[in-house]
C-alpha cells in the first residue's frame, strides 16, 4: 500500500482520520521497524557473551580457580532461570507472547550457560565419563521441557540436538569433508529411525494442536537426519534398493509438507536427495555400461535444476 491508496481510503471514509494518522508515518517511511535488527543483535550478544565466558575460562583456567569459575557460572545460570520462572506466563498449547521484550534472550542465555557449566564440570573433573550418554539425555529433557514451558524455538533446537547426541548422532561440515560420517555409517540405521521419529512426533503434536509453530523445526531436523542416514546406507554399498526407496519415501513426505506449508525449503530437500538417489541408481545400472550418457545426463539434470529453481521458488513461501 502507498500513501495515495491510504488517502483514497480516508476520502471514502473506509479509514478514519485517527487510523490515517497512525498508518501514514509507517507507509511514508517516516517510521521504520527495527524489530528484526534488534532481535539479531540481542541473539548475537547472547552468543558472544557465552562464547566469551568459554574463552575466558579456557585461557585463565589456572588463574581463576575452578571452584570460583564454576560457582560464578552457576550463579548466573540460576539467576537467569529465576528470572524466567518468576516472570513466566502460564503454559499454553499455542504460541505465547513473551512477558518482556528481552525474556526470550534470558531463556536462551540460561540454557547456554547451563551447557557451559556442564561442560566445565566434565572437562575439569570428568565426573560423567561413565554416564556421559545419560548426562546428554538429561540435558535434552531439560531443554525440551524449557522449550515447551516457555515457548522457545531456539531451546527446542538445543533439545533436539542433545537428544540426537544421546543416540551418538552428530553432523558437521568437517565430518562431511573428512568422510568421518561414513566411517561411522553403522549409525545410519539409527539416523533413519531418529529422523522418522522426529517427523512422526511433529505431525502428531501438530494434529493435536500442541505448539504448532514448533512443527517446522521438528520436520527440518527430522528430514535432514533421515536423508543423511539413508544416503549413508546408499553410499556404503548395502542393499541400496531399500535406501533408494526410503529416500523416495522421504521425498514424498517432504513434497507433501512443502505444499501444505508453502515452503520452498522442503521442496528443495526433496529435489536434491531424489536427484542423489536417482543418479546413484543410474550410475550403477546404466552409466557403467554406457559412460557416454553421463555427459548428456549432466546437461539435462543441470538444466532441470535451473528450471526447478525458477519455476517453483516464487510459488513457495513459508507461512509465519
C-alpha atoms as a PDB file:
ATOM      1  CA  UNK A   1       0.000   0.000   0.000  1.00  0.00           C
ATOM      2  CA  UNK A   2       1.230   3.506  -0.839  1.00  0.00           C
ATOM      3  CA  UNK A   3       0.276   6.871   0.602  1.00  0.00           C
ATOM      4  CA  UNK A   4      -2.112   7.637  -2.278  1.00  0.00           C
ATOM      5  CA  UNK A   5      -4.094   4.478  -1.601  1.00  0.00           C
ATOM      6  CA  UNK A   6      -4.311   5.335   2.082  1.00  0.00           C
ATOM      7  CA  UNK A   7      -5.542   8.842   1.279  1.00  0.00           C
ATOM      8  CA  UNK A   8      -8.127   7.368  -1.072  1.00  0.00           C
ATOM      9  CA  UNK A   9      -9.382   5.053   1.682  1.00  0.00           C
ATOM     10  CA  UNK A  10      -9.627   8.015   4.033  1.00  0.00           C
ATOM     11  CA  UNK A  11     -11.557  10.080   1.454  1.00  0.00           C
ATOM     12  CA  UNK A  12     -14.010   7.214   1.044  1.00  0.00           C
ATOM     13  CA  UNK A  13     -14.334   7.073   4.843  1.00  0.00           C
ATOM     14  CA  UNK A  14     -13.108   3.488   4.894  1.00  0.00           C
ATOM     15  CA  UNK A  15     -10.286   4.629   7.185  1.00  0.00           C
ATOM     16  CA  UNK A  16     -10.805   7.157   9.960  1.00  0.00           C
ATOM     17  CA  UNK A  17      -8.573  10.189  10.410  1.00  0.00           C
ATOM     18  CA  UNK A  18      -7.153   8.665  13.573  1.00  0.00           C
ATOM     19  CA  UNK A  19      -6.247   5.465  11.721  1.00  0.00           C
ATOM     20  CA  UNK A  20      -4.786   7.526   8.877  1.00  0.00           C
ATOM     21  CA  UNK A  21      -2.560   9.419  11.334  1.00  0.00           C
ATOM     22  CA  UNK A  22      -1.231   6.117  12.696  1.00  0.00           C
ATOM     23  CA  UNK A  23      -0.627   4.438   9.323  1.00  0.00           C
ATOM     24  CA  UNK A  24       0.747   7.429   7.429  1.00  0.00           C
ATOM     25  CA  UNK A  25       4.173   7.629   9.169  1.00  0.00           C
ATOM     26  CA  UNK A  26       4.751   3.900   8.569  1.00  0.00           C
ATOM     27  CA  UNK A  27       3.700   3.875   4.915  1.00  0.00           C
ATOM     28  CA  UNK A  28       5.584   7.073   4.113  1.00  0.00           C
ATOM     29  CA  UNK A  29       8.755   5.702   5.699  1.00  0.00           C
ATOM     30  CA  UNK A  30       8.961   8.242   8.492  1.00  0.00           C
ATOM     31  CA  UNK A  31       8.795   5.374  10.988  1.00  0.00           C
ATOM     32  CA  UNK A  32      10.940   2.297  10.276  1.00  0.00           C
ATOM     33  CA  UNK A  33      10.734  -1.004  12.178  1.00  0.00           C
ATOM     34  CA  UNK A  34      13.992  -2.261  13.672  1.00  0.00           C
ATOM     35  CA  UNK A  35      12.394  -5.359  15.178  1.00  0.00           C
ATOM     36  CA  UNK A  36      14.428  -7.988  13.331  1.00  0.00           C
ATOM     37  CA  UNK A  37      17.656  -5.979  13.520  1.00  0.00           C
ATOM     38  CA  UNK A  38      17.355  -5.625  17.295  1.00  0.00           C
ATOM     39  CA  UNK A  39      16.460  -9.305  17.711  1.00  0.00           C
ATOM     40  CA  UNK A  40      19.539 -10.261  15.690  1.00  0.00           C
ATOM     41  CA  UNK A  41      21.769  -8.027  17.809  1.00  0.00           C
ATOM     42  CA  UNK A  42      20.333  -9.423  21.045  1.00  0.00           C
ATOM     43  CA  UNK A  43      20.823 -13.042  19.933  1.00  0.00           C
ATOM     44  CA  UNK A  44      24.321 -12.180  18.758  1.00  0.00           C
ATOM     45  CA  UNK A  45      25.014 -10.596  22.143  1.00  0.00           C
ATOM     46  CA  UNK A  46      23.908 -13.761  23.945  1.00  0.00           C
ATOM     47  CA  UNK A  47      26.125 -15.935  21.740  1.00  0.00           C
ATOM     48  CA  UNK A  48      29.115 -13.609  22.100  1.00  0.00           C
ATOM     49  CA  UNK A  49      28.686 -13.492  25.878  1.00  0.00           C
ATOM     50  CA  UNK A  50      28.573 -17.271  26.272  1.00  0.00           C
ATOM     51  CA  UNK A  51      31.465 -17.692  23.823  1.00  0.00           C
ATOM     52  CA  UNK A  52      33.473 -15.099  25.745  1.00  0.00           C
ATOM     53  CA  UNK A  53      32.824 -16.932  29.009  1.00  0.00           C
ATOM     54  CA  UNK A  54      34.154 -20.133  27.473  1.00  0.00           C
ATOM     55  CA  UNK A  55      37.278 -18.429  26.108  1.00  0.00           C
ATOM     56  CA  UNK A  56      37.915 -16.665  29.420  1.00  0.00           C
ATOM     57  CA  UNK A  57      37.755 -19.931  31.324  1.00  0.00           C
ATOM     58  CA  UNK A  58      39.931 -21.742  28.784  1.00  0.00           C
ATOM     59  CA  UNK A  59      42.677 -19.106  28.767  1.00  0.00           C
ATOM     60  CA  UNK A  60      42.697 -18.459  32.521  1.00  0.00           C
ATOM     61  CA  UNK A  61      41.848 -21.878  33.856  1.00  0.00           C
ATOM     62  CA  UNK A  62      44.790 -21.912  36.252  1.00  0.00           C
ATOM     63  CA  UNK A  63      44.364 -18.343  37.478  1.00  0.00           C
ATOM     64  CA  UNK A  64      40.663 -18.016  38.195  1.00  0.00           C
ATOM     65  CA  UNK A  65      40.265 -21.158  40.225  1.00  0.00           C
ATOM     66  CA  UNK A  66      37.893 -23.891  39.163  1.00  0.00           C
ATOM     67  CA  UNK A  67      35.526 -23.644  42.097  1.00  0.00           C
ATOM     68  CA  UNK A  68      35.150 -19.865  41.723  1.00  0.00           C
ATOM     69  CA  UNK A  69      34.568 -20.134  37.982  1.00  0.00           C
ATOM     70  CA  UNK A  70      32.002 -22.882  38.294  1.00  0.00           C
ATOM     71  CA  UNK A  71      30.342 -21.050  41.169  1.00  0.00           C
ATOM     72  CA  UNK A  72      30.019 -17.791  39.246  1.00  0.00           C
ATOM     73  CA  UNK A  73      28.692 -19.533  36.143  1.00  0.00           C
ATOM     74  CA  UNK A  74      26.205 -21.455  38.244  1.00  0.00           C
ATOM     75  CA  UNK A  75      25.008 -18.277  39.972  1.00  0.00           C
ATOM     76  CA  UNK A  76      24.441 -16.507  36.654  1.00  0.00           C
ATOM     77  CA  UNK A  77      22.648 -19.574  35.298  1.00  0.00           C
ATOM     78  CA  UNK A  78      20.406 -19.781  38.353  1.00  0.00           C
ATOM     79  CA  UNK A  79      19.713 -16.040  38.148  1.00  0.00           C
ATOM     80  CA  UNK A  80      18.606 -16.455  34.529  1.00  0.00           C
ATOM     81  CA  UNK A  81      16.244 -19.302  35.354  1.00  0.00           C
ATOM     82  CA  UNK A  82      14.944 -17.485  38.447  1.00  0.00           C
ATOM     83  CA  UNK A  83      14.016 -14.565  36.220  1.00  0.00           C
ATOM     84  CA  UNK A  84      12.445 -16.898  33.652  1.00  0.00           C
ATOM     85  CA  UNK A  85      10.339 -18.705  36.251  1.00  0.00           C
ATOM     86  CA  UNK A  86       9.303 -15.574  38.130  1.00  0.00           C
ATOM     87  CA  UNK A  87       8.256 -13.683  35.002  1.00  0.00           C
ATOM     88  CA  UNK A  88       6.862 -16.646  33.091  1.00  0.00           C
ATOM     89  CA  UNK A  89       3.262 -16.788  31.910  1.00  0.00           C
ATOM     90  CA  UNK A  90       1.033 -19.900  32.273  1.00  0.00           C
ATOM     91  CA  UNK A  91       1.653 -22.752  29.861  1.00  0.00           C
ATOM     92  CA  UNK A  92      -0.353 -22.754  26.659  1.00  0.00           C
ATOM     93  CA  UNK A  93      -0.521 -25.148  23.716  1.00  0.00           C
ATOM     94  CA  UNK A  94      -0.477 -22.139  21.394  1.00  0.00           C
ATOM     95  CA  UNK A  95       2.209 -19.548  20.722  1.00  0.00           C
ATOM     96  CA  UNK A  96       2.854 -17.460  23.838  1.00  0.00           C
ATOM     97  CA  UNK A  97       3.839 -13.811  23.738  1.00  0.00           C
ATOM     98  CA  UNK A  98       6.960 -13.112  25.860  1.00  0.00           C
ATOM     99  CA  UNK A  99       6.117 -11.130  29.013  1.00  0.00           C
ATOM    100  CA  UNK A 100       9.035  -8.749  28.398  1.00  0.00           C
ATOM    101  CA  UNK A 101      10.916  -7.797  25.207  1.00  0.00           C
ATOM    102  CA  UNK A 102      14.120  -9.481  26.426  1.00  0.00           C
ATOM    103  CA  UNK A 103      12.534 -12.563  28.031  1.00  0.00           C
ATOM    104  CA  UNK A 104      13.398 -14.974  25.197  1.00  0.00           C
ATOM    105  CA  UNK A 105      17.044 -13.939  25.315  1.00  0.00           C
ATOM    106  CA  UNK A 106      17.264 -14.661  29.050  1.00  0.00           C
ATOM    107  CA  UNK A 107      15.812 -18.128  28.413  1.00  0.00           C
ATOM    108  CA  UNK A 108      18.420 -18.787  25.733  1.00  0.00           C
ATOM    109  CA  UNK A 109      21.240 -17.340  27.849  1.00  0.00           C
ATOM    110  CA  UNK A 110      20.343 -19.531  30.829  1.00  0.00           C
ATOM    111  CA  UNK A 111      20.209 -22.628  28.634  1.00  0.00           C
ATOM    112  CA  UNK A 112      23.578 -21.913  27.000  1.00  0.00           C
ATOM    113  CA  UNK A 113      25.186 -21.181  30.360  1.00  0.00           C
ATOM    114  CA  UNK A 114      23.812 -24.482  31.642  1.00  0.00           C
ATOM    115  CA  UNK A 115      25.730 -26.200  28.842  1.00  0.00           C
ATOM    116  CA  UNK A 116      28.860 -24.237  29.828  1.00  0.00           C
ATOM    117  CA  UNK A 117      28.603 -25.326  33.461  1.00  0.00           C
ATOM    118  CA  UNK A 118      28.003 -28.944  32.489  1.00  0.00           C
ATOM    119  CA  UNK A 119      30.885 -28.916  30.004  1.00  0.00           C
ATOM    120  CA  UNK A 120      33.203 -27.256  32.528  1.00  0.00           C
ATOM    121  CA  UNK A 121      32.442 -29.893  35.149  1.00  0.00           C
ATOM    122  CA  UNK A 122      33.050 -32.673  32.656  1.00  0.00           C
ATOM    123  CA  UNK A 123      36.246 -31.142  31.244  1.00  0.00           C
ATOM    124  CA  UNK A 124      37.827 -30.438  34.610  1.00  0.00           C
ATOM    125  CA  UNK A 125      36.626 -33.258  36.835  1.00  0.00           C
ATOM    126  CA  UNK A 126      35.487 -35.993  34.390  1.00  0.00           C
ATOM    127  CA  UNK A 127      32.632 -36.768  36.774  1.00  0.00           C
ATOM    128  CA  UNK A 128      30.396 -38.026  33.976  1.00  0.00           C
ATOM    129  CA  UNK A 129      32.789 -40.187  31.974  1.00  0.00           C
ATOM    130  CA  UNK A 130      30.933 -43.404  32.707  1.00  0.00           C
ATOM    131  CA  UNK A 131      27.481 -41.870  32.252  1.00  0.00           C
ATOM    132  CA  UNK A 132      28.104 -39.271  29.572  1.00  0.00           C
ATOM    133  CA  UNK A 133      25.236 -40.555  27.433  1.00  0.00           C
ATOM    134  CA  UNK A 134      22.745 -40.254  30.270  1.00  0.00           C
ATOM    135  CA  UNK A 135      24.017 -36.766  31.017  1.00  0.00           C
ATOM    136  CA  UNK A 136      23.244 -35.814  27.427  1.00  0.00           C
ATOM    137  CA  UNK A 137      19.781 -37.337  27.732  1.00  0.00           C
ATOM    138  CA  UNK A 138      19.110 -35.349  30.906  1.00  0.00           C
ATOM    139  CA  UNK A 139      20.212 -32.185  29.101  1.00  0.00           C
ATOM    140  CA  UNK A 140      17.828 -32.987  26.247  1.00  0.00           C
ATOM    141  CA  UNK A 141      14.923 -33.499  28.656  1.00  0.00           C
ATOM    142  CA  UNK A 142      15.686 -30.214  30.423  1.00  0.00           C
ATOM    143  CA  UNK A 143      15.939 -28.274  27.171  1.00  0.00           C
ATOM    144  CA  UNK A 144      12.735 -29.760  25.746  1.00  0.00           C
ATOM    145  CA  UNK A 145      10.906 -29.033  28.991  1.00  0.00           C
ATOM    146  CA  UNK A 146      12.128 -25.426  28.999  1.00  0.00           C
ATOM    147  CA  UNK A 147      11.267 -25.050  25.306  1.00  0.00           C
ATOM    148  CA  UNK A 148       7.657 -26.186  25.767  1.00  0.00           C
ATOM    149  CA  UNK A 149       7.093 -24.491  29.106  1.00  0.00           C
ATOM    150  CA  UNK A 150       8.469 -21.126  27.987  1.00  0.00           C
ATOM    151  CA  UNK A 151       7.769 -21.405  24.252  1.00  0.00           C
ATOM    152  CA  UNK A 152      11.291 -21.050  22.850  1.00  0.00           C
ATOM    153  CA  UNK A 153      12.210 -22.491  19.443  1.00  0.00           C
ATOM    154  CA  UNK A 154      15.939 -21.914  19.972  1.00  0.00           C
ATOM    155  CA  UNK A 155      15.984 -24.036  23.129  1.00  0.00           C
ATOM    156  CA  UNK A 156      13.877 -26.633  21.292  1.00  0.00           C
ATOM    157  CA  UNK A 157      16.704 -26.903  18.743  1.00  0.00           C
ATOM    158  CA  UNK A 158      19.183 -27.415  21.589  1.00  0.00           C
ATOM    159  CA  UNK A 159      16.976 -30.186  22.986  1.00  0.00           C
ATOM    160  CA  UNK A 160      16.675 -31.984  19.651  1.00  0.00           C
ATOM    161  CA  UNK A 161      20.436 -31.717  19.104  1.00  0.00           C
ATOM    162  CA  UNK A 162      21.149 -33.088  22.579  1.00  0.00           C
ATOM    163  CA  UNK A 163      18.690 -35.930  22.008  1.00  0.00           C
ATOM    164  CA  UNK A 164      20.464 -36.795  18.767  1.00  0.00           C
ATOM    165  CA  UNK A 165      23.791 -36.762  20.607  1.00  0.00           C
ATOM    166  CA  UNK A 166      22.388 -39.275  23.079  1.00  0.00           C
ATOM    167  CA  UNK A 167      21.991 -41.652  20.138  1.00  0.00           C
ATOM    168  CA  UNK A 168      25.552 -40.786  19.013  1.00  0.00           C
ATOM    169  CA  UNK A 169      24.302 -38.758  16.057  1.00  0.00           C
ATOM    170  CA  UNK A 170      26.209 -35.636  15.132  1.00  0.00           C
ATOM    171  CA  UNK A 171      26.754 -33.854  11.829  1.00  0.00           C
ATOM    172  CA  UNK A 172      29.192 -31.117  10.897  1.00  0.00           C
ATOM    173  CA  UNK A 173      30.827 -29.757   7.730  1.00  0.00           C
ATOM    174  CA  UNK A 174      34.136 -31.168   8.984  1.00  0.00           C
ATOM    175  CA  UNK A 175      32.686 -34.678   9.136  1.00  0.00           C
ATOM    176  CA  UNK A 176      31.327 -34.370   5.608  1.00  0.00           C
ATOM    177  CA  UNK A 177      34.644 -33.035   4.317  1.00  0.00           C
ATOM    178  CA  UNK A 178      36.830 -35.619   6.028  1.00  0.00           C
ATOM    179  CA  UNK A 179      34.465 -38.513   5.411  1.00  0.00           C
ATOM    180  CA  UNK A 180      34.256 -39.333   9.110  1.00  0.00           C
ATOM    181  CA  UNK A 181      30.496 -39.618   8.965  1.00  0.00           C
ATOM    182  CA  UNK A 182      30.686 -42.519   6.551  1.00  0.00           C
ATOM    183  CA  UNK A 183      33.359 -44.193   8.641  1.00  0.00           C
ATOM    184  CA  UNK A 184      30.743 -44.490  11.357  1.00  0.00           C
ATOM    185  CA  UNK A 185      27.922 -45.264   8.962  1.00  0.00           C
ATOM    186  CA  UNK A 186      26.820 -48.130  11.200  1.00  0.00           C
ATOM    187  CA  UNK A 187      24.801 -45.330  12.752  1.00  0.00           C
ATOM    188  CA  UNK A 188      22.855 -44.788   9.544  1.00  0.00           C
ATOM    189  CA  UNK A 189      20.005 -47.022  10.682  1.00  0.00           C
ATOM    190  CA  UNK A 190      19.772 -45.102  13.956  1.00  0.00           C
ATOM    191  CA  UNK A 191      19.718 -41.853  11.978  1.00  0.00           C
ATOM    192  CA  UNK A 192      16.878 -43.127   9.797  1.00  0.00           C
ATOM    193  CA  UNK A 193      14.790 -44.184  12.790  1.00  0.00           C
ATOM    194  CA  UNK A 194      15.585 -40.993  14.687  1.00  0.00           C
ATOM    195  CA  UNK A 195      14.681 -38.738  11.759  1.00  0.00           C
ATOM    196  CA  UNK A 196      11.462 -40.623  11.042  1.00  0.00           C
ATOM    197  CA  UNK A 197      10.529 -40.499  14.741  1.00  0.00           C
ATOM    198  CA  UNK A 198      11.046 -36.719  14.853  1.00  0.00           C
ATOM    199  CA  UNK A 199       8.785 -36.250  11.834  1.00  0.00           C
ATOM    200  CA  UNK A 200       6.142 -38.570  13.289  1.00  0.00           C
ATOM    201  CA  UNK A 201       6.207 -36.777  16.650  1.00  0.00           C
ATOM    202  CA  UNK A 202       5.981 -33.419  14.894  1.00  0.00           C
ATOM    203  CA  UNK A 203       2.915 -34.425  12.871  1.00  0.00           C
ATOM    204  CA  UNK A 204       1.226 -35.980  15.919  1.00  0.00           C
ATOM    205  CA  UNK A 205       1.750 -32.836  18.019  1.00  0.00           C
ATOM    206  CA  UNK A 206       0.653 -30.682  15.099  1.00  0.00           C
ATOM    207  CA  UNK A 207      -2.535 -32.755  14.757  1.00  0.00           C
ATOM    208  CA  UNK A 208      -3.176 -32.273  18.482  1.00  0.00           C
ATOM    209  CA  UNK A 209      -2.537 -28.517  18.054  1.00  0.00           C
ATOM    210  CA  UNK A 210       0.284 -28.591  20.611  1.00  0.00           C
ATOM    211  CA  UNK A 211       2.791 -25.852  19.801  1.00  0.00           C
ATOM    212  CA  UNK A 212       2.062 -25.984  16.078  1.00  0.00           C
ATOM    213  CA  UNK A 213       4.772 -23.403  15.437  1.00  0.00           C
ATOM    214  CA  UNK A 214       7.351 -25.987  16.618  1.00  0.00           C
ATOM    215  CA  UNK A 215       6.439 -28.353  13.771  1.00  0.00           C
ATOM    216  CA  UNK A 216       8.724 -26.668  11.232  1.00  0.00           C
ATOM    217  CA  UNK A 217      11.775 -27.133  13.476  1.00  0.00           C
ATOM    218  CA  UNK A 218      10.991 -30.801  14.141  1.00  0.00           C
ATOM    219  CA  UNK A 219      10.423 -31.566  10.456  1.00  0.00           C
ATOM    220  CA  UNK A 220      13.554 -29.689   9.410  1.00  0.00           C
ATOM    221  CA  UNK A 221      15.777 -31.659  11.808  1.00  0.00           C
ATOM    222  CA  UNK A 222      13.958 -34.924  11.133  1.00  0.00           C
ATOM    223  CA  UNK A 223      14.160 -34.814   7.351  1.00  0.00           C
ATOM    224  CA  UNK A 224      17.830 -33.806   7.295  1.00  0.00           C
ATOM    225  CA  UNK A 225      18.844 -36.603   9.676  1.00  0.00           C
ATOM    226  CA  UNK A 226      16.652 -39.118   7.829  1.00  0.00           C
ATOM    227  CA  UNK A 227      18.023 -38.199   4.407  1.00  0.00           C
ATOM    228  CA  UNK A 228      21.648 -38.209   5.579  1.00  0.00           C
ATOM    229  CA  UNK A 229      21.174 -41.622   7.214  1.00  0.00           C
ATOM    230  CA  UNK A 230      19.570 -43.058   4.086  1.00  0.00           C
ATOM    231  CA  UNK A 231      22.289 -41.560   1.884  1.00  0.00           C
ATOM    232  CA  UNK A 232      24.975 -43.053   4.150  1.00  0.00           C
ATOM    233  CA  UNK A 233      23.426 -46.507   3.754  1.00  0.00           C
ATOM    234  CA  UNK A 234      23.221 -45.950  -0.004  1.00  0.00           C
ATOM    235  CA  UNK A 235      26.882 -44.973  -0.384  1.00  0.00           C
ATOM    236  CA  UNK A 236      28.130 -47.683   1.955  1.00  0.00           C
ATOM    237  CA  UNK A 237      27.113 -50.291  -0.606  1.00  0.00           C
ATOM    238  CA  UNK A 238      24.384 -52.056   1.332  1.00  0.00           C
ATOM    239  CA  UNK A 239      21.255 -53.321  -0.429  1.00  0.00           C
ATOM    240  CA  UNK A 240      20.882 -49.914  -1.972  1.00  0.00           C
ATOM    241  CA  UNK A 241      17.413 -50.538  -3.400  1.00  0.00           C
ATOM    242  CA  UNK A 242      15.983 -50.305   0.115  1.00  0.00           C
ATOM    243  CA  UNK A 243      17.693 -46.980   0.751  1.00  0.00           C
ATOM    244  CA  UNK A 244      16.600 -45.583  -2.598  1.00  0.00           C
ATOM    245  CA  UNK A 245      13.002 -46.409  -1.687  1.00  0.00           C
ATOM    246  CA  UNK A 246      13.492 -44.825   1.735  1.00  0.00           C
ATOM    247  CA  UNK A 247      14.845 -41.655   0.134  1.00  0.00           C
ATOM    248  CA  UNK A 248      11.932 -41.538  -2.311  1.00  0.00           C
ATOM    249  CA  UNK A 249       9.525 -42.043   0.585  1.00  0.00           C
ATOM    250  CA  UNK A 250      11.159 -39.188   2.498  1.00  0.00           C
ATOM    251  CA  UNK A 251      10.973 -37.037  -0.635  1.00  0.00           C
ATOM    252  CA  UNK A 252       7.250 -37.750  -0.971  1.00  0.00           C
ATOM    253  CA  UNK A 253       6.698 -36.606   2.617  1.00  0.00           C
ATOM    254  CA  UNK A 254       8.870 -33.517   2.045  1.00  0.00           C
ATOM    255  CA  UNK A 255       6.814 -32.585  -1.035  1.00  0.00           C
ATOM    256  CA  UNK A 256       3.581 -33.083   0.909  1.00  0.00           C
ATOM    257  CA  UNK A 257       4.760 -30.861   3.759  1.00  0.00           C
ATOM    258  CA  UNK A 258       6.219 -28.284   1.354  1.00  0.00           C
ATOM    259  CA  UNK A 259       2.852 -27.951  -0.373  1.00  0.00           C
ATOM    260  CA  UNK A 260       0.981 -27.776   2.907  1.00  0.00           C
ATOM    261  CA  UNK A 261       3.210 -25.062   4.356  1.00  0.00           C
ATOM    262  CA  UNK A 262       4.107 -23.388   1.046  1.00  0.00           C
ATOM    263  CA  UNK A 263       7.765 -23.918   1.943  1.00  0.00           C
ATOM    264  CA  UNK A 264      10.345 -23.981  -0.818  1.00  0.00           C
ATOM    265  CA  UNK A 265      12.988 -25.308   1.581  1.00  0.00           C
ATOM    266  CA  UNK A 266      11.419 -28.760   1.923  1.00  0.00           C
ATOM    267  CA  UNK A 267      10.743 -28.938  -1.790  1.00  0.00           C
ATOM    268  CA  UNK A 268      14.457 -28.289  -2.298  1.00  0.00           C
ATOM    269  CA  UNK A 269      15.319 -31.116   0.127  1.00  0.00           C
ATOM    270  CA  UNK A 270      13.123 -33.482  -1.886  1.00  0.00           C
ATOM    271  CA  UNK A 271      14.656 -32.454  -5.201  1.00  0.00           C
ATOM    272  CA  UNK A 272      18.286 -32.711  -4.038  1.00  0.00           C
ATOM    273  CA  UNK A 273      18.014 -36.118  -2.357  1.00  0.00           C
ATOM    274  CA  UNK A 274      15.808 -37.574  -5.108  1.00  0.00           C
ATOM    275  CA  UNK A 275      18.487 -36.452  -7.552  1.00  0.00           C
ATOM    276  CA  UNK A 276      21.211 -38.127  -5.449  1.00  0.00           C
ATOM    277  CA  UNK A 277      19.298 -41.418  -5.253  1.00  0.00           C
ATOM    278  CA  UNK A 278      18.382 -41.399  -8.952  1.00  0.00           C
ATOM    279  CA  UNK A 279      21.922 -40.569 -10.042  1.00  0.00           C
ATOM    280  CA  UNK A 280      23.361 -43.366  -7.894  1.00  0.00           C
ATOM    281  CA  UNK A 281      20.854 -45.834  -9.338  1.00  0.00           C
ATOM    282  CA  UNK A 282      21.572 -44.811 -12.942  1.00  0.00           C
ATOM    283  CA  UNK A 283      25.330 -44.845 -12.374  1.00  0.00           C
ATOM    284  CA  UNK A 284      25.153 -48.435 -11.168  1.00  0.00           C
ATOM    285  CA  UNK A 285      22.777 -49.838 -13.781  1.00  0.00           C
ATOM    286  CA  UNK A 286      23.150 -47.614 -16.865  1.00  0.00           C
ATOM    287  CA  UNK A 287      26.244 -45.424 -16.855  1.00  0.00           C
ATOM    288  CA  UNK A 288      28.581 -48.321 -16.047  1.00  0.00           C
ATOM    289  CA  UNK A 289      27.724 -49.853 -19.430  1.00  0.00           C
ATOM    290  CA  UNK A 290      27.275 -46.590 -21.344  1.00  0.00           C
ATOM    291  CA  UNK A 291      29.566 -43.963 -19.771  1.00  0.00           C
ATOM    292  CA  UNK A 292      28.999 -41.567 -22.683  1.00  0.00           C
ATOM    293  CA  UNK A 293      25.494 -40.972 -21.350  1.00  0.00           C
ATOM    294  CA  UNK A 294      26.899 -39.287 -18.254  1.00  0.00           C
ATOM    295  CA  UNK A 295      27.586 -36.112 -20.239  1.00  0.00           C
ATOM    296  CA  UNK A 296      24.030 -35.853 -21.544  1.00  0.00           C
ATOM    297  CA  UNK A 297      22.596 -36.699 -18.148  1.00  0.00           C
ATOM    298  CA  UNK A 298      24.667 -33.956 -16.513  1.00  0.00           C
ATOM    299  CA  UNK A 299      23.497 -31.352 -19.033  1.00  0.00           C
ATOM    300  CA  UNK A 300      19.837 -32.363 -18.736  1.00  0.00           C
ATOM    301  CA  UNK A 301      19.910 -32.584 -14.934  1.00  0.00           C
ATOM    302  CA  UNK A 302      21.598 -29.178 -14.567  1.00  0.00           C
ATOM    303  CA  UNK A 303      19.006 -27.656 -16.847  1.00  0.00           C
ATOM    304  CA  UNK A 304      16.268 -29.347 -14.848  1.00  0.00           C
ATOM    305  CA  UNK A 305      17.642 -27.932 -11.618  1.00  0.00           C
ATOM    306  CA  UNK A 306      17.705 -24.384 -13.023  1.00  0.00           C
ATOM    307  CA  UNK A 307      14.141 -24.818 -14.291  1.00  0.00           C
ATOM    308  CA  UNK A 308      13.085 -26.100 -10.879  1.00  0.00           C
ATOM    309  CA  UNK A 309      14.559 -23.088  -9.085  1.00  0.00           C
ATOM    310  CA  UNK A 310      13.000 -20.581 -11.485  1.00  0.00           C
ATOM    311  CA  UNK A 311       9.596 -22.242 -11.690  1.00  0.00           C
ATOM    312  CA  UNK A 312       8.885 -23.099  -8.088  1.00  0.00           C
ATOM    313  CA  UNK A 313      10.707 -20.658  -5.829  1.00  0.00           C
ATOM    314  CA  UNK A 314       8.221 -17.829  -6.383  1.00  0.00           C
ATOM    315  CA  UNK A 315       5.275 -20.111  -5.613  1.00  0.00           C
ATOM    316  CA  UNK A 316       6.533 -21.247  -2.228  1.00  0.00           C
ATOM    317  CA  UNK A 317       6.951 -19.017   0.758  1.00  0.00           C
ATOM    318  CA  UNK A 318       6.918 -20.367   4.260  1.00  0.00           C
ATOM    319  CA  UNK A 319       3.922 -19.271   6.299  1.00  0.00           C
ATOM    320  CA  UNK A 320       4.742 -17.498   9.549  1.00  0.00           C
END
